[in-house]
N, C-alpha and C. Protein backbone atom coordinates (compact mmCIF):
# COMPACT_ATOMS: atom_id res chain seq x y z
N MET A 1 26.60 94.86 -35.99
CA MET A 1 26.31 94.18 -37.24
C MET A 1 27.61 93.85 -37.95
N THR A 2 27.76 92.63 -38.43
CA THR A 2 28.93 92.21 -39.17
C THR A 2 28.83 92.73 -40.59
N GLN A 3 29.93 93.31 -41.06
CA GLN A 3 29.95 93.84 -42.41
C GLN A 3 30.41 92.76 -43.39
N THR A 4 29.98 92.87 -44.62
CA THR A 4 30.37 91.93 -45.65
C THR A 4 31.66 92.41 -46.30
N HIS A 5 32.60 91.49 -46.41
CA HIS A 5 33.84 91.76 -47.13
C HIS A 5 33.97 90.72 -48.22
N LEU A 6 34.20 91.18 -49.44
CA LEU A 6 34.13 90.32 -50.61
C LEU A 6 35.34 90.52 -51.51
N VAL A 7 35.90 89.41 -51.97
CA VAL A 7 36.91 89.44 -53.02
C VAL A 7 36.23 88.92 -54.28
N VAL A 8 36.21 89.74 -55.32
CA VAL A 8 35.76 89.30 -56.63
C VAL A 8 37.01 88.78 -57.32
N MET A 9 37.02 87.47 -57.57
CA MET A 9 38.23 86.82 -58.05
C MET A 9 38.04 86.20 -59.42
N GLY A 10 39.14 86.00 -60.12
CA GLY A 10 39.11 85.36 -61.42
C GLY A 10 40.34 85.69 -62.22
N VAL A 11 40.41 85.14 -63.41
CA VAL A 11 41.56 85.34 -64.28
C VAL A 11 41.55 86.76 -64.84
N ALA A 12 42.67 87.17 -65.39
CA ALA A 12 42.80 88.49 -65.99
C ALA A 12 41.76 88.68 -67.10
N GLY A 13 41.11 89.83 -67.08
CA GLY A 13 40.18 90.19 -68.13
C GLY A 13 38.79 89.61 -68.03
N CYS A 14 38.46 88.96 -66.90
CA CYS A 14 37.15 88.30 -66.80
C CYS A 14 36.04 89.22 -66.29
N GLY A 15 36.37 90.44 -65.89
CA GLY A 15 35.34 91.38 -65.44
C GLY A 15 35.30 91.62 -63.94
N LYS A 16 36.37 91.27 -63.23
CA LYS A 16 36.41 91.46 -61.76
C LYS A 16 36.14 92.92 -61.39
N SER A 17 36.83 93.83 -62.02
CA SER A 17 36.69 95.26 -61.70
C SER A 17 35.30 95.77 -62.04
N THR A 18 34.74 95.28 -63.13
CA THR A 18 33.39 95.69 -63.54
C THR A 18 32.37 95.25 -62.50
N VAL A 19 32.48 94.02 -62.03
CA VAL A 19 31.56 93.51 -61.00
C VAL A 19 31.75 94.28 -59.70
N ALA A 20 32.99 94.55 -59.32
CA ALA A 20 33.26 95.30 -58.09
C ALA A 20 32.64 96.70 -58.16
N LYS A 21 32.78 97.36 -59.29
CA LYS A 21 32.21 98.70 -59.48
C LYS A 21 30.68 98.64 -59.41
N ALA A 22 30.07 97.63 -59.98
CA ALA A 22 28.61 97.48 -59.93
C ALA A 22 28.14 97.30 -58.49
N LEU A 23 28.89 96.53 -57.70
CA LEU A 23 28.54 96.37 -56.28
C LEU A 23 28.66 97.69 -55.53
N GLN A 24 29.69 98.45 -55.86
CA GLN A 24 29.85 99.76 -55.23
C GLN A 24 28.66 100.66 -55.55
N GLU A 25 28.27 100.70 -56.80
CA GLU A 25 27.16 101.55 -57.22
C GLU A 25 25.84 101.11 -56.59
N ARG A 26 25.63 99.82 -56.51
CA ARG A 26 24.37 99.28 -56.01
C ARG A 26 24.27 99.30 -54.49
N LEU A 27 25.39 98.96 -53.81
CA LEU A 27 25.35 98.77 -52.36
C LEU A 27 26.08 99.85 -51.57
N GLY A 28 26.82 100.70 -52.27
CA GLY A 28 27.56 101.75 -51.58
C GLY A 28 28.81 101.25 -50.87
N TRP A 29 29.29 100.08 -51.23
CA TRP A 29 30.47 99.52 -50.59
C TRP A 29 31.73 100.26 -51.04
N ILE A 30 32.73 100.17 -50.21
CA ILE A 30 34.06 100.64 -50.58
C ILE A 30 34.62 99.64 -51.58
N VAL A 31 35.28 100.15 -52.61
CA VAL A 31 35.86 99.26 -53.62
C VAL A 31 37.35 99.54 -53.73
N ALA A 32 38.12 98.49 -53.94
CA ALA A 32 39.56 98.63 -54.12
C ALA A 32 40.00 97.70 -55.25
N GLU A 33 40.98 98.12 -55.97
CA GLU A 33 41.56 97.32 -57.04
C GLU A 33 42.78 96.61 -56.49
N GLY A 34 42.76 95.28 -56.51
CA GLY A 34 43.84 94.48 -55.94
C GLY A 34 45.20 94.81 -56.51
N ASP A 35 45.26 95.13 -57.80
CA ASP A 35 46.56 95.44 -58.42
C ASP A 35 47.22 96.66 -57.79
N ASP A 36 46.44 97.54 -57.19
CA ASP A 36 46.99 98.74 -56.56
C ASP A 36 47.81 98.41 -55.31
N TYR A 37 47.72 97.20 -54.83
CA TYR A 37 48.41 96.80 -53.60
C TYR A 37 49.73 96.05 -53.87
N HIS A 38 50.09 95.91 -55.14
CA HIS A 38 51.37 95.27 -55.46
C HIS A 38 52.52 96.19 -55.08
N PRO A 39 53.57 95.63 -54.49
CA PRO A 39 54.78 96.43 -54.27
C PRO A 39 55.45 96.74 -55.61
N ALA A 40 56.30 97.75 -55.62
CA ALA A 40 56.98 98.18 -56.85
C ALA A 40 57.76 97.04 -57.50
N SER A 41 58.34 96.16 -56.70
CA SER A 41 59.12 95.04 -57.25
C SER A 41 58.23 94.11 -58.08
N ASN A 42 57.00 93.89 -57.64
CA ASN A 42 56.08 93.04 -58.41
C ASN A 42 55.69 93.73 -59.72
N ILE A 43 55.43 95.01 -59.66
CA ILE A 43 55.06 95.76 -60.86
C ILE A 43 56.18 95.71 -61.89
N ALA A 44 57.42 95.85 -61.41
CA ALA A 44 58.57 95.79 -62.31
C ALA A 44 58.67 94.41 -62.97
N LYS A 45 58.47 93.36 -62.19
CA LYS A 45 58.52 92.01 -62.75
C LYS A 45 57.43 91.81 -63.80
N MET A 46 56.20 92.16 -63.43
CA MET A 46 55.08 91.96 -64.35
C MET A 46 55.27 92.79 -65.63
N SER A 47 55.78 94.01 -65.49
CA SER A 47 56.01 94.86 -66.66
C SER A 47 57.06 94.28 -67.59
N SER A 48 57.96 93.49 -67.03
CA SER A 48 59.00 92.84 -67.83
C SER A 48 58.58 91.46 -68.33
N GLY A 49 57.34 91.06 -68.02
CA GLY A 49 56.84 89.77 -68.47
C GLY A 49 57.33 88.60 -67.63
N ILE A 50 57.82 88.90 -66.43
CA ILE A 50 58.31 87.85 -65.53
C ILE A 50 57.17 87.44 -64.61
N PRO A 51 56.82 86.14 -64.59
CA PRO A 51 55.74 85.70 -63.71
C PRO A 51 56.11 85.88 -62.24
N LEU A 52 55.11 86.18 -61.43
CA LEU A 52 55.33 86.30 -59.99
C LEU A 52 55.37 84.92 -59.34
N SER A 53 56.24 84.78 -58.37
CA SER A 53 56.29 83.55 -57.57
C SER A 53 55.38 83.73 -56.36
N ASP A 54 55.14 82.66 -55.65
CA ASP A 54 54.37 82.78 -54.41
C ASP A 54 55.06 83.74 -53.44
N GLU A 55 56.38 83.69 -53.37
CA GLU A 55 57.11 84.59 -52.48
C GLU A 55 56.87 86.05 -52.85
N ASP A 56 56.74 86.33 -54.14
CA ASP A 56 56.42 87.69 -54.59
C ASP A 56 55.01 88.09 -54.17
N ARG A 57 54.11 87.13 -54.17
CA ARG A 57 52.69 87.41 -53.92
C ARG A 57 52.35 87.62 -52.43
N TRP A 58 53.09 87.02 -51.51
CA TRP A 58 52.71 87.09 -50.10
C TRP A 58 52.53 88.52 -49.59
N PRO A 59 53.49 89.44 -49.83
CA PRO A 59 53.28 90.81 -49.33
C PRO A 59 52.05 91.47 -49.96
N TRP A 60 51.81 91.18 -51.23
CA TRP A 60 50.64 91.72 -51.92
C TRP A 60 49.35 91.22 -51.28
N LEU A 61 49.26 89.93 -51.04
CA LEU A 61 48.07 89.35 -50.43
C LEU A 61 47.89 89.86 -49.00
N ASP A 62 48.99 90.05 -48.28
CA ASP A 62 48.90 90.61 -46.91
C ASP A 62 48.34 92.02 -46.94
N ARG A 63 48.77 92.82 -47.90
CA ARG A 63 48.24 94.19 -48.02
C ARG A 63 46.74 94.19 -48.31
N ILE A 64 46.31 93.27 -49.15
CA ILE A 64 44.87 93.17 -49.44
C ILE A 64 44.11 92.77 -48.18
N GLY A 65 44.60 91.76 -47.46
CA GLY A 65 43.95 91.37 -46.21
C GLY A 65 43.90 92.49 -45.20
N ASP A 66 44.99 93.25 -45.10
CA ASP A 66 45.03 94.38 -44.18
C ASP A 66 44.01 95.45 -44.57
N ARG A 67 43.77 95.59 -45.85
CA ARG A 67 42.79 96.59 -46.33
C ARG A 67 41.40 96.31 -45.76
N PHE A 68 41.05 95.05 -45.67
CA PHE A 68 39.75 94.69 -45.11
C PHE A 68 39.72 94.87 -43.60
N ALA A 69 40.84 94.68 -42.95
CA ALA A 69 40.87 94.64 -41.49
C ALA A 69 41.00 96.00 -40.83
N THR A 70 41.31 97.03 -41.59
CA THR A 70 41.60 98.33 -40.98
C THR A 70 40.74 99.45 -41.55
N GLY A 71 40.67 100.51 -40.81
CA GLY A 71 40.07 101.75 -41.28
C GLY A 71 38.63 101.63 -41.71
N ASP A 72 38.29 102.41 -42.74
CA ASP A 72 36.91 102.49 -43.20
C ASP A 72 36.39 101.18 -43.75
N ALA A 73 37.27 100.31 -44.23
CA ALA A 73 36.83 99.02 -44.77
C ALA A 73 36.26 98.14 -43.69
N SER A 74 36.73 98.27 -42.45
CA SER A 74 36.21 97.43 -41.38
C SER A 74 34.87 97.95 -40.87
N ALA A 75 34.51 99.17 -41.23
CA ALA A 75 33.28 99.79 -40.74
C ALA A 75 32.10 99.62 -41.68
N GLN A 76 32.34 99.22 -42.92
CA GLN A 76 31.26 99.03 -43.87
C GLN A 76 31.66 97.96 -44.87
N GLY A 77 30.76 97.58 -45.73
CA GLY A 77 31.08 96.57 -46.72
C GLY A 77 32.22 97.02 -47.62
N CYS A 78 33.05 96.08 -48.01
CA CYS A 78 34.19 96.37 -48.86
C CYS A 78 34.35 95.25 -49.88
N VAL A 79 34.72 95.62 -51.09
CA VAL A 79 34.96 94.64 -52.14
C VAL A 79 36.29 94.97 -52.82
N VAL A 80 37.07 93.92 -53.05
CA VAL A 80 38.35 94.06 -53.75
C VAL A 80 38.34 93.13 -54.95
N ALA A 81 38.73 93.66 -56.09
CA ALA A 81 38.92 92.86 -57.30
C ALA A 81 40.35 92.34 -57.29
N CYS A 82 40.49 91.02 -57.25
CA CYS A 82 41.81 90.41 -57.08
C CYS A 82 41.77 88.99 -57.63
N SER A 83 42.83 88.56 -58.31
CA SER A 83 42.81 87.22 -58.91
C SER A 83 42.57 86.13 -57.86
N ALA A 84 43.39 86.03 -56.83
CA ALA A 84 43.20 85.06 -55.72
C ALA A 84 42.79 83.67 -56.19
N LEU A 85 43.43 83.20 -57.25
CA LEU A 85 42.99 81.96 -57.88
C LEU A 85 43.31 80.70 -57.08
N ARG A 86 44.38 80.70 -56.33
CA ARG A 86 44.74 79.51 -55.56
C ARG A 86 44.16 79.61 -54.14
N ARG A 87 43.76 78.48 -53.61
CA ARG A 87 43.20 78.46 -52.26
C ARG A 87 44.17 79.04 -51.23
N VAL A 88 45.44 78.76 -51.38
CA VAL A 88 46.44 79.27 -50.44
C VAL A 88 46.47 80.80 -50.46
N TYR A 89 46.18 81.41 -51.60
CA TYR A 89 46.13 82.87 -51.68
C TYR A 89 44.90 83.39 -50.92
N ARG A 90 43.78 82.72 -51.09
CA ARG A 90 42.57 83.13 -50.37
C ARG A 90 42.76 82.93 -48.87
N ASP A 91 43.40 81.84 -48.48
CA ASP A 91 43.68 81.60 -47.06
C ASP A 91 44.58 82.70 -46.50
N ARG A 92 45.55 83.14 -47.29
CA ARG A 92 46.46 84.20 -46.83
C ARG A 92 45.70 85.49 -46.57
N ILE A 93 44.76 85.84 -47.44
CA ILE A 93 43.94 87.04 -47.22
C ILE A 93 43.11 86.88 -45.96
N ARG A 94 42.50 85.70 -45.77
CA ARG A 94 41.68 85.43 -44.59
C ARG A 94 42.48 85.56 -43.29
N GLU A 95 43.75 85.16 -43.31
CA GLU A 95 44.59 85.25 -42.11
C GLU A 95 44.65 86.68 -41.59
N ARG A 96 44.64 87.64 -42.49
CA ARG A 96 44.74 89.05 -42.11
C ARG A 96 43.36 89.68 -41.88
N ALA A 97 42.39 89.27 -42.69
CA ALA A 97 41.11 89.96 -42.73
C ALA A 97 40.01 89.30 -41.91
N GLY A 98 40.13 88.02 -41.60
CA GLY A 98 39.05 87.31 -40.92
C GLY A 98 38.06 86.77 -41.93
N THR A 99 36.81 86.74 -41.55
CA THR A 99 35.76 86.17 -42.38
C THR A 99 35.62 86.93 -43.68
N MET A 100 35.63 86.19 -44.76
CA MET A 100 35.57 86.77 -46.10
C MET A 100 34.62 85.96 -46.96
N CYS A 101 34.13 86.60 -48.00
CA CYS A 101 33.39 85.91 -49.07
C CYS A 101 34.21 86.07 -50.34
N PHE A 102 34.22 85.03 -51.14
CA PHE A 102 34.93 85.07 -52.41
C PHE A 102 33.94 84.76 -53.52
N LEU A 103 33.91 85.61 -54.52
CA LEU A 103 33.02 85.45 -55.66
C LEU A 103 33.86 85.19 -56.88
N PHE A 104 33.67 84.03 -57.50
CA PHE A 104 34.44 83.65 -58.68
C PHE A 104 33.62 83.92 -59.92
């Protein structure tokens, strides 16, 4: 059986984490917070108010894609709350994770 993997996406403060938690409670899926996958260099930039470039984002998006493709996430449904606002970001996650659903 193919498992469902979902990215709950949207702008900051729109309720991504709340929706992801509700899916976890209702469906028993594994849930992850996309911000937890940022490297320390991204966190330092964001904390200083410096916007991230695409080059900054690639390792972060790769880590999120890898989360879906490995371990317990590949064995059951998994949902990650992550901005993923640009199509190229969603494509980058798909490159690592395979078939994905995105909920905006």
